[in-house]
Protein backbone atom coordinates (compact mmCIF):
# COMPACT_ATOMS: atom_id res chain seq x y z
CA MET A 1 63.72 -26.34 -27.12
CA GLN A 2 64.13 -25.24 -30.73
CA GLN A 3 67.01 -22.92 -29.72
CA ASN A 4 68.94 -25.84 -28.23
CA TYR A 5 69.02 -27.68 -31.56
CA PHE A 6 70.26 -24.52 -33.27
CA PHE A 7 73.22 -24.15 -30.89
CA LYS A 8 74.02 -27.85 -31.22
CA TYR A 9 74.13 -27.40 -35.01
CA LEU A 10 76.41 -24.38 -34.69
CA SER A 11 78.86 -26.34 -32.54
CA LEU A 12 78.81 -29.26 -35.01
CA ALA A 13 79.59 -27.19 -38.12
CA PRO A 14 83.27 -26.36 -37.34
CA VAL A 15 83.89 -30.01 -36.40
CA LEU A 16 82.53 -31.19 -39.75
CA LEU A 17 84.57 -28.54 -41.58
CA PHE A 18 87.76 -29.62 -39.79
CA ALA A 19 87.06 -33.31 -40.54
CA HIS A 20 86.44 -32.49 -44.21
CA LEU A 21 89.70 -30.54 -44.49
CA ILE A 22 91.64 -33.43 -42.91
CA PHE A 23 90.00 -35.87 -45.35
CA VAL A 24 90.93 -33.71 -48.36
CA ALA A 25 94.52 -33.34 -47.11
CA VAL A 26 94.90 -37.12 -46.65
CA VAL A 27 93.55 -37.82 -50.14
CA TRP A 28 95.92 -35.20 -51.58
CA ILE A 29 98.93 -36.71 -49.74
CA ILE A 30 98.08 -40.24 -50.90
CA PHE A 31 97.61 -39.02 -54.49
CA ASN A 32 101.01 -37.29 -54.37
CA THR A 33 102.58 -40.50 -53.08
CA PHE A 34 101.56 -42.45 -56.19
CA PHE A 35 101.80 -39.59 -58.74
CA PRO A 36 104.49 -37.28 -57.35
CA ASP A 37 104.84 -34.50 -59.94
CA LEU A 38 101.46 -34.69 -61.64
CA LEU A 39 100.01 -31.68 -59.80
CA PHE A 40 103.04 -29.47 -60.52
CA HIS A 41 104.06 -30.66 -64.01
CA PRO A 42 100.91 -31.79 -65.84
CA LEU A 43 101.18 -33.88 -68.95
CA PRO A 44 101.02 -31.92 -72.24
């Protein structure tokens, strides 16, 4: 029974990683929409 929870956790980890990467990409795209060159040409 304990082994089943372990395999369920292992199958959940890549899904959470993929969801986190999509979330970070969306935030980055929205930030670049409002501040286009801020990441490439920072203010002095």
